[in-house]
Amino acid sequence: MNQLIYFNSQGFWNQNITDIGLSHICKSISNLTSLKILSLKFDSSTITDKGIKSVARSLKRLVSLQSITLDFREKALHDSGMLKLAAALKKLTNLQSINLNFASCTGIRDLAIQKLASALRNLVFLKHLDLNFQAQDDPGVLPESRIQDTGMKKLAQALKKLTSLQSLALNFNSCGEITNQGLESIAQSLEKLSSLQILGLDFASCNEIADEGIQSLGQSLEKMPSLKNLKLNLANCNQISDTGMTSFSKSLEKSSCLRILYLNFDSCKKIADIGITSLSKSLKILPSLKSLELRMKECKKFTDVGMYSLKESLRGLTSLKRIQLSFSKSAKITGAARDELAEVVLNLPHRKGKPCFCVEFL
């Protein structure tokens, strides 16, 4: 217990404890029945399902809780602990913010996501939801043990009920069993979230996601007029081609309120000049854009044609305060095209504040 840090009566951070230590913390927490904000983060700790069950038991009494952050990344956790946690969260109907980080917990399967989704359906006052279940690349984990489309469909059904959401972040990076159907389910649910202003989706290295998935996502963006911040990571989704990129780009044009845009298509090797040209044309129709980060490393089909199109579009983005472009290992882009693009970026006009510009070709 002497490693426990108690901050402002609301936050707990500590390291190097076991399930026994966590159970003591949870017993103390359970007595704080008026607690509104709870944050538990455990680095370098040996926590198992037994510890998660202790957390779940303590939550049952915290009926006033409005915000919860649980960070148990890289722990030896399985569905049994997650099922107990989901059941506890279901009863915390005053929650307005949830942040769960269970990245690289290889024992968590699709069933856990389904049960968590069932719990979320009840939390109609939620304004902020951040779920991180990024998978660890482990060849020893059987496909049927991983997070799949069924979990995505259940989660999508829950999201449709959360109409008060203002920010949503979903990280299922490297969950390779998720396909177009899973992403399409999530995309369609977004159409119901009319208050959503911040959206982050990370489905990088979900190799079954192709053009159909990103097209569906684009169609949903057209129906999200309040969206101001979009972060999309589809790096290493090798089946996405110019067809999907073109469709997505045309839909992006409708997001006229966007101020922050992050797109990561690193190693999407089927995207070529047609795709980047379509995206470039759409960017210049986003008048409110303040920050742009575009990552397309190892998209080896790019040539000077795509770079010149992007260069011309950037000239019109006079409101940009921050821009970061990465086209590393795109061997077909000549030095002349790189220099011209860099020059345009460096000479972009700016108003108040110091601009941050970065172009990467290495």
Protein backbone atom coordinates (compact mmCIF):
# COMPACT_ATOMS: atom_id res chain seq x y z
CA MET A 1 0.00 0.00 0.00
CA ASN A 2 2.91 2.39 0.50
CA GLN A 3 3.34 2.49 -3.28
CA LEU A 4 -0.15 3.82 -3.77
CA ILE A 5 -0.32 7.49 -4.77
CA TYR A 6 -3.55 9.26 -3.86
CA PHE A 7 -4.07 12.39 -5.93
CA ASN A 8 -6.77 14.98 -5.28
CA SER A 9 -9.05 12.34 -3.77
CA GLN A 10 -9.75 11.02 -7.26
CA GLY A 11 -6.73 9.48 -8.97
CA PHE A 12 -4.73 6.38 -8.17
CA TRP A 13 -1.43 5.48 -9.87
CA ASN A 14 0.97 2.76 -8.84
CA GLN A 15 3.45 0.16 -9.91
CA ASN A 16 4.70 -3.31 -9.10
CA ILE A 17 1.74 -4.70 -7.22
CA THR A 18 -0.11 -7.99 -7.44
CA ASP A 19 -3.74 -9.07 -7.21
CA ILE A 20 -3.46 -9.00 -3.41
CA GLY A 21 -2.37 -5.37 -3.38
CA LEU A 22 -5.08 -4.45 -5.85
CA SER A 23 -7.71 -6.13 -3.68
CA HIS A 24 -6.70 -3.91 -0.75
CA ILE A 25 -6.95 -0.81 -2.93
CA CYS A 26 -10.37 -1.87 -4.14
CA LYS A 27 -11.67 -2.39 -0.60
CA SER A 28 -10.69 1.18 0.21
CA ILE A 29 -12.24 2.49 -2.99
CA SER A 30 -15.54 0.71 -2.34
CA ASN A 31 -16.10 2.83 0.76
CA LEU A 32 -15.94 6.07 -1.26
CA THR A 33 -19.58 5.89 -2.28
CA SER A 34 -19.71 9.55 -3.35
CA LEU A 35 -16.67 9.23 -5.63
CA LYS A 36 -17.22 10.78 -9.05
CA ILE A 37 -13.87 10.31 -10.83
CA LEU A 38 -11.75 7.17 -10.67
CA SER A 39 -8.49 6.45 -12.49
CA LEU A 40 -6.54 3.23 -12.03
CA LYS A 41 -3.34 2.63 -13.95
CA PHE A 42 -0.94 -0.24 -13.36
CA ASP A 43 2.46 -0.38 -15.06
CA SER A 44 4.88 -3.27 -14.52
CA SER A 45 2.36 -4.99 -12.25
CA THR A 46 1.36 -8.63 -12.04
CA ILE A 47 -2.40 -8.31 -12.36
CA THR A 48 -4.63 -11.20 -13.44
CA ASP A 49 -8.37 -11.82 -13.73
CA LYS A 50 -8.54 -12.10 -9.95
CA GLY A 51 -7.48 -8.47 -9.68
CA ILE A 52 -10.00 -7.33 -12.28
CA LYS A 53 -12.74 -9.12 -10.36
CA SER A 54 -11.73 -7.15 -7.26
CA VAL A 55 -12.13 -3.95 -9.26
CA ALA A 56 -15.54 -5.10 -10.45
CA ARG A 57 -16.71 -5.81 -6.90
CA SER A 58 -15.62 -2.37 -5.71
CA LEU A 59 -17.42 -0.62 -8.56
CA LYS A 60 -20.79 -1.98 -7.50
CA ARG A 61 -20.98 0.52 -4.64
CA LEU A 62 -19.76 3.54 -6.61
CA VAL A 63 -23.17 4.53 -7.93
CA SER A 64 -22.20 8.21 -8.13
CA LEU A 65 -19.27 7.58 -10.43
CA GLN A 66 -19.22 9.83 -13.50
CA SER A 67 -15.78 9.12 -14.96
CA ILE A 68 -13.66 5.98 -14.95
CA THR A 69 -10.25 5.22 -16.42
CA LEU A 70 -8.82 1.72 -16.20
CA ASP A 71 -5.43 0.98 -17.74
CA PHE A 72 -4.48 -2.70 -17.57
CA ARG A 73 -2.52 -3.01 -20.79
CA GLU A 74 -0.23 -6.02 -21.30
CA LYS A 75 -1.70 -7.99 -18.40
CA ALA A 76 -2.53 -11.70 -18.20
CA LEU A 77 -6.26 -11.13 -18.50
CA HIS A 78 -9.02 -13.28 -19.98
CA ASP A 79 -12.74 -13.14 -20.59
CA SER A 80 -13.69 -14.16 -17.03
CA GLY A 81 -12.38 -10.91 -15.54
CA MET A 82 -13.80 -8.79 -18.34
CA LEU A 83 -17.27 -10.33 -17.92
CA LYS A 84 -17.33 -9.33 -14.24
CA LEU A 85 -16.13 -5.84 -15.11
CA ALA A 86 -18.80 -5.45 -17.80
CA ALA A 87 -21.51 -6.51 -15.36
CA ALA A 88 -20.31 -3.89 -12.86
CA LEU A 89 -20.14 -1.10 -15.44
CA LYS A 90 -23.68 -1.85 -16.54
CA LYS A 91 -24.99 -0.63 -13.19
CA LEU A 92 -23.08 2.66 -13.18
CA THR A 93 -25.75 4.56 -15.05
CA ASN A 94 -24.38 8.00 -14.10
CA LEU A 95 -21.19 7.48 -16.05
CA GLN A 96 -20.34 10.22 -18.53
CA SER A 97 -16.78 9.17 -19.40
CA ILE A 98 -15.18 5.74 -19.86
CA ASN A 99 -11.56 5.07 -20.80
CA LEU A 100 -10.56 1.39 -20.89
CA ASN A 101 -7.11 0.27 -22.01
CA PHE A 102 -6.65 -3.48 -22.34
CA ALA A 103 -4.15 -3.41 -25.20
CA SER A 104 -2.07 -6.57 -25.69
CA CYS A 105 -4.15 -8.63 -23.26
CA THR A 106 -4.07 -11.70 -25.49
CA GLY A 107 -6.57 -13.69 -23.43
CA ILE A 108 -9.43 -11.26 -24.11
CA ARG A 109 -11.67 -12.66 -26.83
CA ASP A 110 -14.74 -11.61 -28.77
CA LEU A 111 -17.11 -12.69 -26.00
CA ALA A 112 -15.68 -10.02 -23.70
CA ILE A 113 -16.35 -7.31 -26.30
CA GLN A 114 -19.91 -8.55 -26.71
CA LYS A 115 -20.57 -8.40 -22.96
CA LEU A 116 -18.96 -4.99 -22.67
CA ALA A 117 -21.17 -3.76 -25.51
CA SER A 118 -24.23 -5.06 -23.69
CA ALA A 119 -23.21 -3.03 -20.63
CA LEU A 120 -22.64 0.14 -22.63
CA ARG A 121 -26.19 0.09 -23.97
CA ASN A 122 -27.42 1.12 -20.49
CA LEU A 123 -25.09 4.09 -20.11
CA VAL A 124 -27.14 6.64 -22.00
CA PHE A 125 -25.45 9.66 -20.37
CA LEU A 126 -22.02 8.80 -21.79
CA LYS A 127 -20.30 11.72 -23.48
CA HIS A 128 -16.79 10.30 -23.84
CA LEU A 129 -15.85 6.72 -24.70
CA ASP A 130 -12.32 5.43 -25.31
CA LEU A 131 -11.76 1.69 -25.80
CA ASN A 132 -8.32 0.25 -26.52
CA PHE A 133 -8.15 -3.46 -27.29
CA GLN A 134 -5.17 -3.35 -29.62
CA ALA A 135 -4.03 -6.91 -30.19
CA GLN A 136 -0.57 -8.28 -29.76
CA ASP A 137 0.83 -10.11 -32.75
CA ASP A 138 0.91 -13.60 -31.24
CA PRO A 139 0.91 -16.58 -33.65
CA GLY A 140 -0.04 -18.81 -30.73
CA VAL A 141 -3.48 -17.21 -30.44
CA LEU A 142 -6.03 -19.10 -32.52
CA PRO A 143 -8.25 -17.03 -34.87
CA GLU A 144 -11.41 -18.11 -33.04
CA SER A 145 -9.94 -16.69 -29.83
CA ARG A 146 -9.52 -13.20 -31.23
CA ILE A 147 -11.85 -10.21 -31.47
CA GLN A 148 -14.06 -10.62 -34.53
CA ASP A 149 -16.93 -9.07 -36.49
CA THR A 150 -19.55 -10.34 -34.03
CA GLY A 151 -18.03 -8.20 -31.30
CA MET A 152 -18.01 -5.21 -33.65
CA LYS A 153 -21.68 -5.70 -34.50
CA LYS A 154 -22.63 -5.86 -30.81
CA LEU A 155 -20.55 -2.79 -30.10
CA ALA A 156 -22.20 -0.96 -32.99
CA GLN A 157 -25.64 -1.78 -31.61
CA ALA A 158 -24.61 -0.26 -28.29
CA LEU A 159 -23.16 2.86 -29.89
CA LYS A 160 -26.48 3.62 -31.56
CA LYS A 161 -27.98 4.04 -28.08
CA LEU A 162 -25.30 6.47 -26.91
CA THR A 163 -26.69 9.53 -28.62
CA SER A 164 -25.05 11.94 -26.15
CA LEU A 165 -21.52 10.94 -27.18
CA GLN A 166 -19.27 13.87 -28.00
CA SER A 167 -15.99 11.96 -28.37
CA LEU A 168 -15.35 8.36 -29.36
CA ALA A 169 -12.07 6.47 -29.75
CA LEU A 170 -11.91 2.81 -30.74
CA ASN A 171 -8.58 1.00 -31.06
CA PHE A 172 -8.68 -2.51 -32.50
CA ASN A 173 -5.26 -2.29 -34.12
CA SER A 174 -3.98 -5.71 -35.29
CA CYS A 175 -7.28 -7.48 -34.62
CA GLY A 176 -6.87 -9.33 -37.89
CA GLU A 177 -10.18 -11.19 -37.78
CA ILE A 178 -12.15 -7.98 -38.15
CA THR A 179 -13.33 -7.60 -41.75
CA ASN A 180 -15.28 -5.11 -43.84
CA GLN A 181 -18.47 -6.26 -42.13
CA GLY A 182 -17.14 -5.29 -38.72
CA LEU A 183 -16.02 -1.83 -39.84
CA GLU A 184 -19.25 -1.29 -41.75
CA SER A 185 -21.24 -2.04 -38.57
CA ILE A 186 -19.27 0.52 -36.62
CA ALA A 187 -19.55 3.05 -39.44
CA GLN A 188 -23.32 2.74 -39.67
CA SER A 189 -23.70 3.26 -35.93
CA LEU A 190 -21.86 6.58 -36.18
CA GLU A 191 -24.71 8.03 -38.21
CA LYS A 192 -26.83 8.05 -35.05
CA LEU A 193 -24.31 10.12 -33.08
CA SER A 194 -25.34 13.61 -34.11
CA SER A 195 -23.44 15.26 -31.21
CA LEU A 196 -20.11 13.58 -31.97
CA GLN A 197 -17.28 16.08 -32.39
CA ILE A 198 -14.18 13.92 -31.92
CA LEU A 199 -13.71 10.52 -33.58
CA GLY A 200 -10.71 8.22 -33.50
CA LEU A 201 -10.72 4.84 -35.24
CA ASP A 202 -7.68 2.57 -35.30
CA PHE A 203 -8.06 -0.58 -37.36
CA ALA A 204 -4.46 -0.71 -38.57
CA SER A 205 -3.19 -4.14 -39.64
CA CYS A 206 -6.74 -5.48 -39.92
CA ASN A 207 -5.83 -7.02 -43.24
CA GLU A 208 -9.35 -8.15 -44.13
CA ILE A 209 -10.54 -4.54 -44.33
CA ALA A 210 -10.70 -3.38 -47.94
CA ASP A 211 -12.39 -0.76 -50.12
CA GLU A 212 -15.92 -1.67 -48.99
CA GLY A 213 -15.05 -0.90 -45.39
CA ILE A 214 -13.57 2.54 -45.98
CA GLN A 215 -16.36 3.41 -48.42
CA SER A 216 -18.93 2.67 -45.72
CA LEU A 217 -17.02 4.81 -43.26
CA GLY A 218 -16.97 7.68 -45.72
CA GLN A 219 -20.72 7.46 -46.27
CA SER A 220 -21.26 7.75 -42.51
CA LEU A 221 -19.00 10.79 -42.28
CA GLU A 222 -21.35 12.58 -44.66
CA LYS A 223 -24.05 12.34 -41.96
CA MET A 224 -21.91 13.69 -39.11
CA PRO A 225 -22.20 17.49 -39.44
CA SER A 226 -20.73 18.26 -35.99
CA LEU A 227 -17.45 16.37 -36.46
CA LYS A 228 -14.42 18.59 -35.83
CA ASN A 229 -11.63 16.13 -35.13
CA LEU A 230 -11.05 12.93 -37.12
CA LYS A 231 -8.22 10.47 -36.54
CA LEU A 232 -8.23 7.41 -38.77
CA ASN A 233 -5.52 4.75 -38.78
CA LEU A 234 -5.76 2.09 -41.49
CA ALA A 235 -2.03 1.47 -41.87
CA ASN A 236 -1.11 -1.94 -43.29
CA CYS A 237 -4.64 -2.57 -44.54
CA ASN A 238 -3.18 -3.83 -47.78
CA GLN A 239 -6.45 -4.41 -49.62
CA ILE A 240 -7.45 -0.74 -49.68
CA SER A 241 -6.92 0.68 -53.16
CA ASP A 242 -7.55 3.85 -55.16
CA THR A 243 -11.22 2.85 -55.43
CA GLY A 244 -11.78 3.01 -51.69
CA MET A 245 -9.63 6.09 -51.25
CA THR A 246 -11.47 7.98 -53.98
CA SER A 247 -14.87 7.19 -52.50
CA PHE A 248 -13.73 8.09 -48.98
CA SER A 249 -12.21 11.36 -50.20
CA LYS A 250 -15.41 12.48 -51.90
CA SER A 251 -17.32 11.83 -48.67
CA LEU A 252 -14.73 13.77 -46.69
CA GLU A 253 -15.64 16.89 -48.65
CA LYS A 254 -18.94 17.02 -46.72
CA SER A 255 -17.08 17.37 -43.39
CA SER A 256 -16.89 21.14 -43.66
CA CYS A 257 -16.46 21.64 -39.89
CA LEU A 258 -13.30 19.55 -39.63
CA ARG A 259 -10.46 21.35 -37.87
CA ILE A 260 -8.13 18.46 -37.10
CA LEU A 261 -7.51 15.61 -39.55
CA TYR A 262 -5.14 12.67 -39.09
CA LEU A 263 -5.04 9.97 -41.77
CA ASN A 264 -2.62 7.04 -41.64
CA PHE A 265 -2.42 4.83 -44.71
CA ASP A 266 1.17 3.65 -44.19
CA SER A 267 1.98 0.56 -46.27
CA CYS A 268 -1.37 0.56 -48.08
CA LYS A 269 0.51 -0.44 -51.18
CA LYS A 270 -2.46 -0.49 -53.57
CA ILE A 271 -3.08 3.22 -53.15
CA ALA A 272 -1.46 5.17 -56.00
CA ASP A 273 -1.62 8.61 -57.63
CA ILE A 274 -5.38 8.37 -58.29
CA GLY A 275 -6.04 7.94 -54.58
CA ILE A 276 -3.78 10.75 -53.38
CA THR A 277 -5.09 13.06 -56.11
CA SER A 278 -8.69 12.44 -55.00
CA LEU A 279 -7.75 13.11 -51.40
CA SER A 280 -5.89 16.28 -52.37
CA LYS A 281 -8.92 17.68 -54.18
CA SER A 282 -11.07 17.03 -51.13
CA LEU A 283 -8.65 18.67 -48.71
CA LYS A 284 -8.89 22.05 -50.39
CA ILE A 285 -12.66 22.04 -49.79
CA LEU A 286 -12.14 21.93 -45.99
CA PRO A 287 -11.92 25.64 -45.13
CA SER A 288 -11.79 25.20 -41.35
CA LEU A 289 -8.85 22.80 -41.28
CA LYS A 290 -6.24 23.87 -38.73
CA SER A 291 -4.17 20.69 -38.39
CA LEU A 292 -3.36 18.05 -41.01
CA GLU A 293 -1.29 14.92 -40.57
CA LEU A 294 -1.09 12.59 -43.55
CA ARG A 295 0.98 9.43 -43.31
CA MET A 296 1.57 7.31 -46.42
CA LYS A 297 4.93 5.67 -45.83
CA GLU A 298 5.81 2.81 -48.17
CA CYS A 299 2.99 3.56 -50.59
CA LYS A 300 5.39 2.74 -53.36
CA LYS A 301 3.08 3.47 -56.30
CA PHE A 302 3.12 7.22 -55.65
CA THR A 303 4.83 9.34 -58.30
CA ASP A 304 5.33 13.05 -58.91
CA VAL A 305 1.76 13.26 -60.26
CA GLY A 306 0.30 12.68 -56.81
CA MET A 307 2.76 15.05 -55.16
CA TYR A 308 1.99 17.89 -57.55
CA SER A 309 -1.74 17.45 -56.95
CA LEU A 310 -1.20 17.61 -53.20
CA LYS A 311 1.03 20.65 -53.58
CA GLU A 312 -1.65 22.61 -55.45
CA SER A 313 -4.31 21.72 -52.90
CA LEU A 314 -2.18 22.79 -49.96
CA ARG A 315 -1.80 26.26 -51.42
CA GLY A 316 -5.46 26.90 -50.67
CA LEU A 317 -5.40 25.75 -47.04
CA THR A 318 -4.60 29.15 -45.61
CA SER A 319 -5.96 28.33 -42.14
CA LEU A 320 -3.47 25.53 -41.44
CA LYS A 321 -1.39 25.98 -38.30
CA ARG A 322 0.09 22.49 -38.23
CA ILE A 323 0.92 20.11 -41.05
CA GLN A 324 2.88 16.87 -41.06
CA LEU A 325 3.31 14.79 -44.20
CA SER A 326 5.13 11.48 -44.46
CA PHE A 327 5.86 9.74 -47.76
CA SER A 328 8.93 7.80 -46.68
CA LYS A 329 10.21 5.02 -48.93
CA SER A 330 8.17 6.18 -51.93
CA ALA A 331 10.96 5.60 -54.41
CA LYS A 332 9.11 6.91 -57.48
CA ILE A 333 8.86 10.45 -56.12
CA THR A 334 11.68 12.53 -57.55
CA GLY A 335 13.80 15.02 -55.68
CA ALA A 336 12.29 17.89 -57.63
CA ALA A 337 8.73 17.01 -56.60
CA ARG A 338 9.82 16.61 -52.98
CA ASP A 339 11.49 20.01 -52.97
CA GLU A 340 8.48 21.74 -54.50
CA LEU A 341 6.07 20.19 -52.00
CA ALA A 342 8.33 21.12 -49.10
CA GLU A 343 8.60 24.68 -50.37
CA VAL A 344 4.83 25.08 -50.58
CA VAL A 345 4.42 23.73 -47.04
CA LEU A 346 7.08 26.04 -45.61
CA ASN A 347 5.54 29.07 -47.32
CA LEU A 348 1.98 28.47 -46.21
CA PRO A 349 0.55 31.66 -44.70
CA HIS A 350 -0.25 31.64 -41.03
CA ARG A 351 -1.98 34.00 -38.68
CA LYS A 352 -1.50 34.08 -34.92
CA GLY A 353 0.84 31.66 -33.19
CA LYS A 354 3.82 29.70 -34.40
CA PRO A 355 3.10 27.22 -37.21
CA CYS A 356 4.42 23.65 -37.11
CA PHE A 357 5.27 22.21 -40.52
CA CYS A 358 7.02 18.92 -41.27
CA VAL A 359 7.51 16.98 -44.51
CA GLU A 360 9.20 13.57 -44.40
CA PHE A 361 10.54 11.66 -47.39
CA LEU A 362 13.40 9.65 -45.88
